[in-house]
Amino acid sequence: GRHCLLFLSLSAAYSGEGARCYTCARPTMPLFSLVGATLGFTGVMVSNMLRKVPVWREPWEHVIFAGVGWYLGGKVKRFEESTNEDIKELKERYRLRQMRLEGAQPQE
């Protein structure tokens, strides 16, 4: 749908594979990366406010921390996906092991 078109180029540049939209199966911007970038950006702003210095004192810090947050957010998403795949594999191994213990033949 139209809601995906805004994020297609960013998603393709970021990961090449990434998550897919549930309604139109197109790649979309990873939500975790966007949240990470937002946290990195606002973290610098809050830090500057607590130190009572101008919020935009060194603007390059905002860019760097937003980039680091974007990267770490993407890593969290990939970690979640790989963990889900590992869990599926372990469940399948457990199911096959239980079938062998019960004497049944595994269905493949």
N, C-alpha and C. Protein backbone atom coordinates (compact mmCIF):
# COMPACT_ATOMS: atom_id res chain seq x y z
N GLY A 1 0.79 -1.18 0.00
CA GLY A 1 0.00 0.00 0.00
C GLY A 1 0.85 1.26 0.00
N ARG A 2 0.16 2.36 0.01
CA ARG A 2 0.83 3.66 -0.01
C ARG A 2 1.66 3.90 1.23
N HIS A 3 1.25 3.36 2.37
CA HIS A 3 1.97 3.63 3.62
C HIS A 3 3.39 3.11 3.59
N CYS A 4 3.70 2.16 2.72
CA CYS A 4 5.04 1.58 2.64
C CYS A 4 5.97 2.40 1.77
N LEU A 5 5.46 3.16 0.83
CA LEU A 5 6.31 3.82 -0.15
C LEU A 5 7.29 4.78 0.48
N LEU A 6 6.93 5.39 1.58
CA LEU A 6 7.82 6.34 2.24
C LEU A 6 9.09 5.67 2.73
N PHE A 7 8.99 4.43 3.18
CA PHE A 7 10.12 3.77 3.81
C PHE A 7 10.88 2.80 2.90
N LEU A 8 10.42 2.60 1.68
CA LEU A 8 11.06 1.60 0.83
C LEU A 8 12.53 1.89 0.56
N SER A 9 12.87 3.11 0.20
CA SER A 9 14.25 3.40 -0.16
C SER A 9 15.15 3.31 1.06
N LEU A 10 14.70 3.79 2.22
CA LEU A 10 15.51 3.69 3.42
C LEU A 10 15.73 2.25 3.84
N SER A 11 14.70 1.44 3.74
CA SER A 11 14.83 0.04 4.12
C SER A 11 15.78 -0.69 3.20
N ALA A 12 15.68 -0.45 1.91
CA ALA A 12 16.55 -1.12 0.96
C ALA A 12 18.00 -0.69 1.17
N ALA A 13 18.22 0.57 1.48
CA ALA A 13 19.58 1.05 1.71
C ALA A 13 20.13 0.50 3.01
N TYR A 14 19.26 0.29 3.98
CA TYR A 14 19.72 -0.15 5.29
C TYR A 14 20.07 -1.63 5.33
N SER A 15 19.13 -2.48 4.93
CA SER A 15 19.36 -3.90 5.15
C SER A 15 19.32 -4.74 3.89
N GLY A 16 18.62 -4.32 2.90
CA GLY A 16 18.51 -5.13 1.69
C GLY A 16 17.47 -6.22 1.82
N GLU A 17 17.27 -6.76 3.01
CA GLU A 17 16.27 -7.81 3.17
C GLU A 17 15.21 -7.34 4.16
N GLY A 18 15.57 -7.03 5.38
CA GLY A 18 14.70 -6.41 6.36
C GLY A 18 13.35 -7.06 6.56
N ALA A 19 12.53 -6.41 7.35
CA ALA A 19 11.19 -6.88 7.63
C ALA A 19 10.29 -6.57 6.44
N ARG A 20 9.15 -7.22 6.39
CA ARG A 20 8.23 -6.99 5.28
C ARG A 20 6.90 -6.49 5.83
N CYS A 21 6.24 -5.66 5.04
CA CYS A 21 4.94 -5.14 5.41
C CYS A 21 3.93 -6.29 5.40
N TYR A 22 3.07 -6.33 6.39
CA TYR A 22 2.11 -7.42 6.48
C TYR A 22 0.97 -7.29 5.46
N THR A 23 0.71 -6.07 4.98
CA THR A 23 -0.41 -5.89 4.07
C THR A 23 -0.02 -6.01 2.61
N CYS A 24 1.20 -5.61 2.25
CA CYS A 24 1.55 -5.65 0.82
C CYS A 24 2.84 -6.41 0.55
N ALA A 25 3.48 -7.00 1.55
CA ALA A 25 4.68 -7.84 1.43
C ALA A 25 5.88 -7.09 0.87
N ARG A 26 5.90 -5.76 0.98
CA ARG A 26 7.07 -5.00 0.57
C ARG A 26 7.97 -4.78 1.79
N PRO A 27 9.27 -4.61 1.57
CA PRO A 27 10.15 -4.35 2.71
C PRO A 27 9.82 -3.00 3.34
N THR A 28 9.85 -2.93 4.65
CA THR A 28 9.58 -1.68 5.36
C THR A 28 10.74 -1.36 6.29
N MET A 29 10.77 -0.12 6.76
CA MET A 29 11.82 0.30 7.67
C MET A 29 11.67 -0.46 8.98
N PRO A 30 12.75 -1.02 9.47
CA PRO A 30 12.66 -1.73 10.74
C PRO A 30 12.28 -0.78 11.87
N LEU A 31 11.25 -1.13 12.58
CA LEU A 31 10.76 -0.28 13.66
C LEU A 31 11.80 -0.14 14.76
N PHE A 32 12.52 -1.21 15.06
CA PHE A 32 13.52 -1.15 16.12
C PHE A 32 14.62 -0.15 15.78
N SER A 33 15.00 -0.05 14.53
CA SER A 33 16.03 0.90 14.13
C SER A 33 15.55 2.33 14.30
N LEU A 34 14.32 2.58 13.94
CA LEU A 34 13.76 3.91 14.08
C LEU A 34 13.67 4.30 15.56
N VAL A 35 13.25 3.37 16.39
CA VAL A 35 13.17 3.64 17.82
C VAL A 35 14.57 3.87 18.38
N GLY A 36 15.54 3.09 17.95
CA GLY A 36 16.91 3.26 18.42
C GLY A 36 17.47 4.62 18.04
N ALA A 37 17.22 5.05 16.81
CA ALA A 37 17.69 6.37 16.37
C ALA A 37 17.04 7.48 17.19
N THR A 38 15.75 7.33 17.47
CA THR A 38 15.06 8.33 18.27
C THR A 38 15.62 8.39 19.68
N LEU A 39 15.89 7.23 20.27
CA LEU A 39 16.46 7.21 21.61
C LEU A 39 17.85 7.82 21.64
N GLY A 40 18.67 7.53 20.63
CA GLY A 40 20.00 8.13 20.57
C GLY A 40 19.94 9.63 20.44
N PHE A 41 19.06 10.12 19.59
CA PHE A 41 18.91 11.55 19.36
C PHE A 41 18.42 12.25 20.62
N THR A 42 17.36 11.72 21.22
CA THR A 42 16.81 12.38 22.41
C THR A 42 17.71 12.20 23.63
N GLY A 43 18.51 11.14 23.64
CA GLY A 43 19.45 10.97 24.75
C GLY A 43 20.45 12.10 24.82
N VAL A 44 20.94 12.56 23.67
CA VAL A 44 21.87 13.69 23.64
C VAL A 44 21.16 14.96 24.08
N MET A 45 19.93 15.14 23.65
CA MET A 45 19.18 16.34 24.04
C MET A 45 18.96 16.38 25.55
N VAL A 46 18.57 15.26 26.13
CA VAL A 46 18.34 15.19 27.58
C VAL A 46 19.64 15.42 28.33
N SER A 47 20.72 14.83 27.83
CA SER A 47 22.03 15.02 28.46
C SER A 47 22.42 16.50 28.48
N ASN A 48 22.21 17.18 27.37
CA ASN A 48 22.53 18.60 27.31
C ASN A 48 21.62 19.42 28.22
N MET A 49 20.35 19.05 28.31
CA MET A 49 19.44 19.77 29.19
C MET A 49 19.82 19.59 30.66
N LEU A 50 20.20 18.37 31.03
CA LEU A 50 20.59 18.13 32.42
C LEU A 50 21.87 18.87 32.78
N ARG A 51 22.77 19.03 31.84
CA ARG A 51 24.00 19.76 32.08
C ARG A 51 23.81 21.27 31.95
N LYS A 52 22.60 21.69 31.60
CA LYS A 52 22.23 23.10 31.43
C LYS A 52 23.14 23.81 30.43
N VAL A 53 23.36 23.13 29.31
CA VAL A 53 24.06 23.73 28.17
C VAL A 53 23.05 23.81 27.03
N PRO A 54 23.32 24.62 26.00
CA PRO A 54 22.38 24.67 24.88
C PRO A 54 22.13 23.28 24.29
N VAL A 55 20.89 23.01 23.99
CA VAL A 55 20.50 21.68 23.51
C VAL A 55 21.24 21.31 22.23
N TRP A 56 21.45 22.27 21.34
CA TRP A 56 22.13 22.02 20.07
C TRP A 56 23.58 22.49 20.12
N ARG A 57 24.23 22.36 21.28
CA ARG A 57 25.59 22.85 21.45
C ARG A 57 26.55 22.23 20.44
N GLU A 58 26.53 20.94 20.31
CA GLU A 58 27.37 20.25 19.33
C GLU A 58 26.48 19.33 18.50
N PRO A 59 25.94 19.84 17.39
CA PRO A 59 24.95 19.08 16.62
C PRO A 59 25.47 17.76 16.06
N TRP A 60 26.77 17.62 15.85
CA TRP A 60 27.30 16.37 15.33
C TRP A 60 27.05 15.22 16.30
N GLU A 61 26.95 15.52 17.62
CA GLU A 61 26.65 14.46 18.59
C GLU A 61 25.28 13.85 18.33
N HIS A 62 24.31 14.67 17.95
CA HIS A 62 22.96 14.18 17.66
C HIS A 62 23.00 13.20 16.49
N VAL A 63 23.77 13.53 15.47
CA VAL A 63 23.86 12.67 14.29
C VAL A 63 24.56 11.35 14.65
N ILE A 64 25.65 11.44 15.38
CA ILE A 64 26.40 10.22 15.74
C ILE A 64 25.56 9.30 16.61
N PHE A 65 24.93 9.84 17.65
CA PHE A 65 24.16 8.99 18.54
C PHE A 65 22.89 8.46 17.90
N ALA A 66 22.30 9.22 16.98
CA ALA A 66 21.15 8.70 16.25
C ALA A 66 21.60 7.55 15.35
N GLY A 67 22.78 7.68 14.72
CA GLY A 67 23.30 6.59 13.89
C GLY A 67 23.62 5.35 14.70
N VAL A 68 24.22 5.54 15.87
CA VAL A 68 24.52 4.40 16.74
C VAL A 68 23.23 3.74 17.19
N GLY A 69 22.23 4.54 17.55
CA GLY A 69 20.93 3.98 17.94
C GLY A 69 20.27 3.23 16.80
N TRP A 70 20.38 3.76 15.59
CA TRP A 70 19.82 3.08 14.40
C TRP A 70 20.47 1.72 14.22
N TYR A 71 21.80 1.69 14.32
CA TYR A 71 22.55 0.44 14.14
C TYR A 71 22.17 -0.57 15.23
N LEU A 72 22.18 -0.13 16.49
CA LEU A 72 21.86 -1.06 17.58
C LEU A 72 20.41 -1.54 17.52
N GLY A 73 19.50 -0.66 17.10
CA GLY A 73 18.11 -1.08 16.94
C GLY A 73 17.97 -2.17 15.88
N GLY A 74 18.72 -2.03 14.79
CA GLY A 74 18.72 -3.07 13.75
C GLY A 74 19.30 -4.38 14.25
N LYS A 75 20.34 -4.28 15.08
CA LYS A 75 20.94 -5.48 15.64
C LYS A 75 19.95 -6.20 16.56
N VAL A 76 19.17 -5.44 17.32
CA VAL A 76 18.16 -6.05 18.20
C VAL A 76 17.15 -6.82 17.37
N LYS A 77 16.71 -6.23 16.27
CA LYS A 77 15.72 -6.90 15.41
C LYS A 77 16.30 -8.17 14.81
N ARG A 78 17.54 -8.11 14.31
CA ARG A 78 18.15 -9.31 13.75
C ARG A 78 18.37 -10.38 14.82
N PHE A 79 18.72 -9.96 16.04
CA PHE A 79 18.89 -10.90 17.13
C PHE A 79 17.57 -11.59 17.45
N GLU A 80 16.49 -10.81 17.45
CA GLU A 80 15.16 -11.39 17.72
C GLU A 80 14.79 -12.42 16.66
N GLU A 81 15.05 -12.09 15.38
CA GLU A 81 14.71 -13.02 14.31
C GLU A 81 15.54 -14.29 14.38
N SER A 82 16.84 -14.16 14.67
CA SER A 82 17.67 -15.36 14.76
C SER A 82 17.30 -16.20 15.97
N THR A 83 16.91 -15.56 17.06
CA THR A 83 16.48 -16.30 18.25
C THR A 83 15.19 -17.06 17.97
N ASN A 84 14.26 -16.45 17.25
CA ASN A 84 13.03 -17.16 16.89
C ASN A 84 13.32 -18.38 16.02
N GLU A 85 14.26 -18.23 15.08
CA GLU A 85 14.63 -19.38 14.24
C GLU A 85 15.27 -20.49 15.08
N ASP A 86 16.12 -20.11 16.03
CA ASP A 86 16.75 -21.10 16.90
C ASP A 86 15.71 -21.83 17.76
N ILE A 87 14.73 -21.10 18.24
CA ILE A 87 13.67 -21.71 19.06
C ILE A 87 12.86 -22.70 18.23
N LYS A 88 12.54 -22.33 16.99
CA LYS A 88 11.81 -23.25 16.12
C LYS A 88 12.60 -24.53 15.88
N GLU A 89 13.91 -24.38 15.66
CA GLU A 89 14.76 -25.54 15.42
C GLU A 89 14.82 -26.43 16.67
N LEU A 90 14.94 -25.82 17.84
CA LEU A 90 14.99 -26.60 19.08
C LEU A 90 13.67 -27.32 19.35
N LYS A 91 12.56 -26.66 19.04
CA LYS A 91 11.25 -27.31 19.21
C LYS A 91 11.12 -28.52 18.29
N GLU A 92 11.60 -28.38 17.06
CA GLU A 92 11.54 -29.49 16.12
C GLU A 92 12.41 -30.65 16.59
N ARG A 93 13.62 -30.34 17.06
CA ARG A 93 14.49 -31.39 17.60
C ARG A 93 13.83 -32.10 18.78
N TYR A 94 13.21 -31.32 19.66
CA TYR A 94 12.55 -31.90 20.83
C TYR A 94 11.39 -32.81 20.40
N ARG A 95 10.62 -32.34 19.40
CA ARG A 95 9.49 -33.13 18.91
C ARG A 95 9.99 -34.46 18.34
N LEU A 96 11.06 -34.41 17.54
CA LEU A 96 11.60 -35.65 16.95
C LEU A 96 12.15 -36.57 18.04
N ARG A 97 12.79 -35.99 19.03
CA ARG A 97 13.34 -36.81 20.13
C ARG A 97 12.21 -37.49 20.90
N GLN A 98 11.14 -36.78 21.17
CA GLN A 98 10.00 -37.35 21.89
C GLN A 98 9.36 -38.47 21.08
N MET A 99 9.29 -38.29 19.76
CA MET A 99 8.70 -39.32 18.91
C MET A 99 9.57 -40.58 18.93
N ARG A 100 10.89 -40.40 18.91
CA ARG A 100 11.79 -41.56 18.97
C ARG A 100 11.64 -42.29 20.30
N LEU A 101 11.52 -41.55 21.38
CA LEU A 101 11.39 -42.16 22.70
C LEU A 101 10.07 -42.92 22.82
N GLU A 102 9.04 -42.44 22.15
CA GLU A 102 7.73 -43.12 22.19
C GLU A 102 7.66 -44.26 21.19
N GLY A 103 8.64 -44.36 20.34
CA GLY A 103 8.67 -45.45 19.37
C GLY A 103 7.97 -45.15 18.07
N ALA A 104 7.49 -43.95 17.87
CA ALA A 104 6.81 -43.59 16.62
C ALA A 104 7.84 -43.16 15.59
N GLN A 105 7.49 -43.30 14.33
CA GLN A 105 8.36 -42.88 13.25
C GLN A 105 8.13 -41.39 12.97
N PRO A 106 9.20 -40.59 12.85
CA PRO A 106 9.01 -39.17 12.56
C PRO A 106 8.44 -38.95 11.16
N GLN A 107 7.56 -38.00 11.05
CA GLN A 107 6.98 -37.63 9.75
C GLN A 107 7.74 -36.45 9.20
N GLU A 108 8.23 -36.57 7.98
CA GLU A 108 8.99 -35.47 7.38
C GLU A 108 8.31 -34.95 6.17
